[in-house]
Protein backbone atom coordinates (compact mmCIF):
# COMPACT_ATOMS: atom_id res chain seq x y z
CA MET A 1 -26.06 9.76 16.75
CA LYS A 2 -23.68 8.21 13.84
CA PRO A 3 -20.13 9.75 13.76
CA ALA A 4 -19.90 11.73 10.63
CA VAL A 5 -17.61 11.63 7.76
CA LEU A 6 -16.62 13.08 4.33
CA VAL A 7 -16.20 11.31 0.94
CA ALA A 8 -14.26 13.73 -0.75
CA ARG A 9 -14.62 12.61 -4.72
CA ALA A 10 -17.43 10.71 -6.19
CA ILE A 11 -16.62 7.06 -5.44
CA GLN A 12 -19.06 3.44 -6.46
CA PRO A 13 -22.46 4.13 -4.60
CA GLU A 14 -22.54 0.70 -3.25
CA VAL A 15 -19.53 2.14 -1.41
CA VAL A 16 -21.22 5.09 -0.05
CA ALA A 17 -24.23 2.98 0.82
CA ARG A 18 -21.95 0.65 2.90
CA LEU A 19 -20.77 3.92 4.84
CA ARG A 20 -23.91 5.21 5.22
CA ASN A 21 -24.52 1.97 7.39
CA HIS A 22 -22.27 3.43 10.09
CA PHE A 23 -21.77 7.24 9.66
CA ASP A 24 -23.73 10.40 8.82
CA VAL A 25 -21.87 10.63 4.97
CA GLU A 26 -21.48 13.94 3.17
CA ASP A 27 -20.35 12.57 -0.11
CA ASN A 28 -19.54 14.46 -3.20
CA PRO A 29 -21.05 12.87 -6.42
CA ASN A 30 -20.48 15.71 -8.68
CA ASP A 31 -16.68 14.86 -8.32
CA GLN A 32 -15.79 18.53 -7.08
CA VAL A 33 -12.31 18.93 -6.59
CA PHE A 34 -12.23 20.73 -3.20
CA SER A 35 -10.07 23.87 -2.46
CA LYS A 36 -8.05 24.27 0.54
CA ASP A 37 -10.68 26.45 1.97
CA GLU A 38 -13.54 24.27 0.84
CA LEU A 39 -12.14 21.02 2.03
CA ILE A 40 -11.48 22.71 5.69
CA ALA A 41 -15.29 23.89 5.64
CA ARG A 42 -16.75 20.56 4.41
CA LEU A 43 -14.67 18.84 7.43
CA LYS A 44 -16.12 20.63 10.10
CA GLY A 45 -17.36 18.33 12.53
CA LYS A 46 -16.25 15.27 10.82
CA GLN A 47 -14.37 12.42 12.66
CA GLY A 48 -13.35 10.99 9.24
CA ILE A 49 -12.23 11.39 5.47
CA PHE A 50 -12.51 8.89 2.72
CA ALA A 51 -9.79 10.83 0.59
CA THR A 52 -8.21 10.20 -2.44
CA GLY A 53 -4.55 12.13 -4.14
CA SER A 54 -6.56 15.24 -4.53
CA GLU A 55 -7.04 16.14 -1.14
CA ARG A 56 -3.90 17.63 0.88
CA ILE A 57 -4.57 16.93 4.53
CA ASP A 58 -1.83 18.92 6.07
CA GLU A 59 -1.39 20.98 9.75
CA ALA A 60 -3.84 23.81 8.44
CA VAL A 61 -6.66 21.07 7.72
CA LEU A 62 -5.82 19.66 10.87
CA SER A 63 -5.42 22.47 13.27
CA ALA A 64 -9.09 24.01 11.67
CA ASN A 65 -10.79 20.45 12.19
CA PRO A 66 -9.74 19.13 15.84
CA GLU A 67 -12.38 16.29 15.63
CA LEU A 68 -10.86 14.50 12.66
CA ARG A 69 -9.78 11.17 13.96
CA ALA A 70 -9.07 8.95 10.54
CA VAL A 71 -7.56 9.79 7.08
CA CYS A 72 -8.25 6.73 4.95
CA ASN A 73 -6.52 7.26 1.45
CA MET A 74 -8.04 5.46 -1.42
CA ALA A 75 -4.56 4.97 -2.79
CA VAL A 76 -1.23 3.20 -2.22
CA GLY A 77 0.62 6.52 -2.46
CA TYR A 78 -0.11 8.91 0.15
CA ASN A 79 2.04 12.08 -0.23
CA ASN A 80 -0.97 13.90 -0.14
CA ILE A 81 -1.09 13.40 3.79
CA ASP A 82 1.18 14.93 6.26
CA VAL A 83 1.34 11.88 8.26
CA PRO A 84 3.70 13.31 11.03
CA ALA A 85 1.52 15.82 11.61
CA CYS A 86 -1.48 13.22 11.88
CA THR A 87 0.51 11.23 14.16
CA ALA A 88 1.38 14.22 16.44
CA ARG A 89 -2.43 14.84 16.74
CA GLY A 90 -3.24 11.08 17.19
CA VAL A 91 -5.11 11.00 13.82
CA VAL A 92 -5.05 7.62 12.07
CA CYS A 93 -3.94 7.33 8.36
CA THR A 94 -4.66 4.27 6.03
CA ASN A 95 -3.65 3.44 2.56
CA THR A 96 -4.56 0.49 -0.17
CA PRO A 97 -1.70 -1.60 -0.77
CA ASP A 98 -2.15 -4.97 -2.40
CA VAL A 99 -5.02 -5.02 -3.92
CA LEU A 100 -3.97 -2.86 -6.93
CA THR A 101 -0.42 -4.21 -7.23
CA GLU A 102 -1.30 -6.74 -10.11
CA THR A 103 -3.17 -4.41 -12.20
CA THR A 104 -0.91 -1.63 -11.95
CA ALA A 105 2.22 -4.09 -12.84
CA ASP A 106 0.02 -4.87 -16.02
CA PHE A 107 -0.36 -1.37 -16.98
CA GLY A 108 3.59 -0.55 -15.96
CA PHE A 109 4.52 -3.29 -18.38
CA ALA A 110 1.82 -2.19 -21.13
CA LEU A 111 3.20 1.24 -20.95
CA MET A 112 6.78 0.35 -21.09
CA MET A 113 5.76 -1.81 -24.45
CA ALA A 114 4.24 0.81 -25.98
CA THR A 115 6.91 3.43 -25.33
CA ALA A 116 9.53 0.80 -26.55
CA ARG A 117 7.36 -0.23 -29.76
CA ARG A 118 6.34 3.52 -30.39
CA ILE A 119 2.64 2.76 -30.32
CA ALA A 120 1.00 6.09 -29.56
CA GLU A 121 3.65 7.90 -31.93
CA SER A 122 2.60 5.77 -34.69
CA GLU A 123 -1.21 5.60 -34.23
CA HIS A 124 -1.14 9.46 -34.35
CA PHE A 125 0.80 9.15 -37.60
CA LEU A 126 -1.89 6.88 -38.90
CA ARG A 127 -4.82 9.09 -37.86
CA ARG A 128 -3.06 12.22 -39.42
CA GLY A 129 -3.42 10.02 -42.70
CA GLU A 130 0.23 9.97 -43.42
CA TRP A 131 0.47 6.56 -43.77
CA LYS A 132 1.07 5.97 -47.55
CA LYS A 133 3.62 3.13 -47.80
CA TRP A 134 5.57 0.66 -46.10
CA SER A 135 8.99 1.35 -45.54
CA PHE A 136 12.05 -1.02 -43.53
CA ASP A 137 12.64 1.85 -40.84
CA MET A 138 9.14 3.22 -40.32
CA PHE A 139 8.97 3.66 -36.56
CA THR A 140 11.23 1.11 -35.60
CA GLY A 141 11.57 0.77 -31.77
CA SER A 142 13.12 -1.59 -29.68
CA ASP A 143 12.75 -5.26 -28.17
CA ILE A 144 11.40 -6.06 -24.94
CA HIS A 145 12.14 -9.84 -25.08
CA GLY A 146 15.76 -10.39 -23.94
CA ALA A 147 16.47 -6.79 -23.20
CA THR A 148 17.59 -5.30 -19.78
CA LEU A 149 14.69 -4.47 -17.52
CA GLY A 150 16.00 -1.87 -14.76
CA ILE A 151 13.73 -1.12 -11.95
CA LEU A 152 13.93 1.73 -9.58
CA GLY A 153 12.09 0.88 -6.52
CA MET A 154 11.45 -2.86 -5.77
CA GLY A 155 8.21 -3.24 -3.52
CA ARG A 156 5.37 -5.17 -4.39
CA ILE A 157 4.57 -3.57 -7.80
CA GLY A 158 8.20 -3.50 -8.71
CA GLN A 159 8.50 -7.20 -8.21
CA ALA A 160 5.51 -7.94 -10.14
CA ILE A 161 6.84 -6.15 -13.02
CA ALA A 162 10.37 -7.99 -12.58
CA ARG A 163 8.12 -11.12 -12.85
CA ARG A 164 6.70 -10.43 -15.77
CA GLY A 165 9.84 -9.34 -17.56
CA ALA A 166 11.86 -12.49 -16.43
CA HIS A 167 9.42 -15.20 -16.89
CA GLY A 168 7.33 -13.80 -19.59
CA PHE A 169 9.58 -12.17 -21.99
CA GLY A 170 13.17 -13.41 -20.69
CA MET A 171 14.62 -10.20 -19.84
CA ARG A 172 17.47 -9.89 -17.71
CA VAL A 173 15.97 -7.83 -14.64
CA ILE A 174 18.27 -5.63 -12.45
CA TYR A 175 16.81 -3.37 -9.96
CA HIS A 176 17.86 -0.75 -7.26
CA ASN A 177 16.29 -0.38 -3.79
CA ARG A 178 16.86 1.81 -0.55
CA SER A 179 17.74 -1.84 0.78
CA ARG A 180 18.69 -5.18 -1.01
CA LEU A 181 15.84 -7.76 -1.10
CA ASP A 182 16.10 -11.15 0.24
CA ALA A 183 17.74 -13.79 -1.83
CA ALA A 184 14.66 -15.85 -1.93
CA ILE A 185 12.52 -12.98 -3.40
CA GLU A 186 15.65 -12.04 -5.63
CA GLN A 187 15.68 -15.60 -6.97
CA GLU A 188 11.46 -15.72 -7.72
CA CYS A 189 11.86 -12.13 -9.76
CA ARG A 190 15.27 -13.37 -11.26
CA ALA A 191 16.47 -10.11 -10.53
CA SER A 192 19.92 -8.95 -9.45
CA TYR A 193 20.81 -5.92 -6.97
CA VAL A 194 22.92 -3.25 -8.67
CA SER A 195 23.86 0.47 -7.58
CA LYS A 196 22.09 3.34 -8.82
CA HIS A 197 24.61 4.41 -11.70
CA GLU A 198 24.94 0.91 -12.90
CA LEU A 199 21.00 0.70 -13.13
CA LEU A 200 20.78 3.99 -15.39
CA GLN A 201 23.87 2.77 -17.43
CA GLN A 202 22.42 -1.03 -18.14
CA ALA A 203 19.12 -0.45 -18.50
CA ASP A 204 17.30 -0.66 -21.69
CA HIS A 205 13.88 -0.29 -20.19
CA LEU A 206 14.07 1.86 -17.01
CA VAL A 207 10.39 1.59 -14.75
CA ILE A 208 10.25 4.01 -12.17
CA VAL A 209 8.01 2.79 -9.17
CA VAL A 210 9.71 4.35 -5.88
CA PRO A 211 7.35 5.81 -3.56
CA TYR A 212 7.49 9.55 -3.13
CA SER A 213 9.16 11.54 -0.41
CA PRO A 214 11.47 14.40 -0.20
CA ALA A 215 14.35 12.10 -0.51
CA SER A 216 13.09 11.01 -3.68
CA HIS A 217 12.29 14.19 -5.30
CA HIS A 218 13.66 14.62 -8.64
CA ALA A 219 15.38 11.02 -8.38
CA ILE A 220 15.82 11.18 -11.93
CA GLY A 221 16.88 14.60 -13.23
CA ALA A 222 19.28 15.88 -15.89
CA VAL A 223 22.27 14.30 -14.26
CA GLU A 224 20.66 10.68 -13.95
CA LEU A 225 19.35 10.81 -17.54
CA ALA A 226 22.74 11.44 -19.01
CA GLN A 227 24.04 8.14 -17.63
CA MET A 228 21.21 6.49 -19.57
CA LYS A 229 21.55 4.73 -22.83
CA ARG A 230 20.70 6.96 -25.75
CA THR A 231 18.46 3.68 -26.85
CA ALA A 232 16.70 3.56 -23.78
CA THR A 233 13.40 3.97 -22.83
CA LEU A 234 12.21 5.18 -19.26
CA THR A 235 8.73 4.90 -17.65
CA ASN A 236 7.20 6.54 -14.54
CA ILE A 237 4.22 4.77 -12.83
CA ALA A 238 4.98 6.17 -9.37
CA ARG A 239 4.42 9.42 -8.58
CA GLY A 240 4.74 13.12 -9.93
CA GLY A 241 8.05 14.53 -8.70
CA VAL A 242 10.24 11.64 -8.83
CA VAL A 243 11.23 12.58 -12.12
CA ASP A 244 12.21 16.26 -13.36
CA ASP A 245 9.86 16.60 -16.10
CA ALA A 246 11.52 19.54 -17.45
CA ALA A 247 14.67 17.84 -17.56
CA LEU A 248 13.06 14.73 -19.08
CA ALA A 249 11.35 16.42 -21.99
CA GLN A 250 14.76 18.01 -22.73
CA ALA A 251 16.50 14.90 -22.83
CA LEU A 252 13.41 13.45 -25.03
CA ALA A 253 13.97 16.54 -27.41
CA THR A 254 17.50 16.14 -27.60
CA GLY A 255 17.81 12.36 -28.24
CA LEU A 256 19.79 12.10 -25.06
CA ILE A 257 17.14 9.05 -24.35
CA ALA A 258 14.95 7.41 -26.91
CA ALA A 259 11.46 7.37 -25.23
CA ALA A 260 9.44 7.64 -22.11
CA GLY A 261 6.08 6.54 -21.02
CA LEU A 262 4.29 8.59 -18.19
CA ASP A 263 1.47 7.82 -16.11
CA VAL A 264 2.06 10.35 -13.48
CA PHE A 265 3.31 14.17 -13.52
CA GLU A 266 4.43 16.94 -11.15
CA GLY A 267 1.79 19.12 -10.48
CA GLU A 268 -0.96 16.98 -12.11
CA PRO A 269 -3.40 17.28 -13.69
CA ALA A 270 -1.25 20.06 -15.29
CA VAL A 271 1.72 18.25 -17.69
CA HIS A 272 4.87 20.18 -18.22
CA PRO A 273 4.16 22.07 -21.68
CA HIS A 274 7.49 20.33 -23.36
CA LEU A 275 6.44 17.28 -22.73
CA LEU A 276 3.23 17.96 -25.08
CA THR A 277 5.62 18.92 -27.67
CA VAL A 278 8.12 15.87 -28.09
CA PRO A 279 6.64 12.71 -30.13
CA ASN A 280 8.59 10.22 -28.36
CA VAL A 281 6.53 9.75 -25.11
CA VAL A 282 3.44 8.21 -24.33
CA LEU A 283 1.20 9.98 -22.13
CA THR A 284 -1.58 8.60 -19.71
CA PRO A 285 -3.74 10.54 -16.93
CA HIS A 286 -2.78 8.53 -13.94
CA ILE A 287 -4.82 5.25 -14.69
CA ALA A 288 -2.16 2.63 -13.70
CA SER A 289 -4.94 0.74 -11.51
CA ALA A 290 -7.86 2.12 -13.69
CA THR A 291 -10.07 -1.31 -13.83
CA VAL A 292 -13.35 -1.84 -12.61
CA SER A 293 -12.42 -4.59 -10.15
CA THR A 294 -9.27 -2.97 -8.87
CA ARG A 295 -11.17 0.58 -7.98
CA LEU A 296 -13.76 -1.18 -6.44
CA ALA A 297 -11.39 -3.40 -4.50
CA MET A 298 -9.57 -0.05 -3.40
CA ALA A 299 -12.43 1.88 -2.46
CA ASP A 300 -13.76 -1.37 -0.46
CA LEU A 301 -10.59 -1.34 1.49
CA ALA A 302 -10.48 2.52 2.04
CA ALA A 303 -13.90 2.03 3.38
CA ASP A 304 -12.89 -1.11 5.44
CA ASN A 305 -9.99 1.26 7.09
CA LEU A 306 -12.58 4.10 7.80
CA ILE A 307 -15.04 1.89 9.17
CA ALA A 308 -12.65 0.10 11.52
CA ALA A 309 -10.69 3.26 12.48
CA LEU A 310 -13.69 4.84 13.72
CA GLY A 311 -14.90 1.70 15.99
CA PHE A 312 -17.49 -0.29 13.74
CA GLY A 313 -17.34 -3.86 12.32
CA PRO A 314 -15.55 -6.67 13.11
CA SER A 315 -12.15 -4.95 13.11
CA ALA A 316 -13.11 -2.22 15.05
CA GLY A 317 -10.15 -0.19 16.27
CA LYS A 318 -7.87 -2.41 13.72
CA PRO A 319 -7.75 -0.76 10.39
CA PRO A 320 -6.43 -3.21 7.97
CA THR A 321 -3.66 -1.02 6.58
CA PRO A 322 -2.58 1.46 8.69
CA ILE A 323 0.21 4.04 7.76
CA ASN A 324 0.91 5.41 11.14
CA PRO A 325 0.06 2.16 13.56
CA GLU A 326 1.42 3.68 16.56
CA VAL A 327 -1.78 6.03 16.97
CA LEU A 328 -3.82 3.38 17.60
CA ARG A 329 -5.23 2.69 21.06
CA PRO A 330 -4.88 -0.82 22.43
CA ALA A 331 -7.67 -3.05 23.01
CA PRO A 332 -9.08 -2.56 26.39
């Protein structure tokens, strides 16, 4: 009998078909977002879950489903998973790094540029039929080339954004990270390490790419926003909760900073209502990795992880990208 797995959201049919070669698959082609009770019920008797950011895998889910052995996320971030609780129960957790780095960096840079050049705001103006004449100060924004790019969180995606800014746009790149990068990486990215306070004070365009954790919750709040230039922009492609959305909405409304671009939100898909009332913010629905090829690569990697984690395929027992590798059993 094949092990049973749950594919929690709608994914590419060819990936579901590949999983069916190894598992008894319960999929979700209608793309229903399960409540906690529904998720617990659907995981009954399942050994694995192909998860997305929509599914919270916590102690309640784990205790109700002791047969669960693998939680494989189709995302880089995994703040939806209680990894310590999984580790304590010997449940392997995986994510999908690397395959979305360049695509997400492309989008982050595009969102930053749209924010700096007021593209969404001016498009709404045009669509409302308000464009009647040229004027010298109509939707004047701020330059990207030659400006100071500040990056909070200098992992794979942060480094990719830094390379785009330094090599493509002649930007001065500064960054803050939990630990300083090796000199060779700094040289490749043409990036200089600074304190968080210096980052906030000096950046013309601040891009947030730090992973979410309790330690990074509201890493950018009212105090931090007050340290930024009034002409600065903020772009968040990290996770909701890293930025205090209420404080940001207030900063935008009062002109404390010039503009913001947001792809992630606290409590998404809900958006703080005050962010919907200010014109100087570009809002997108968590689509930084949304290209056809990248989303397929993410799904394939999540499937590879699930297949290997449950003991199948050429990498049986060794999923490619484990989050808690300490739970993996060594090969006999």
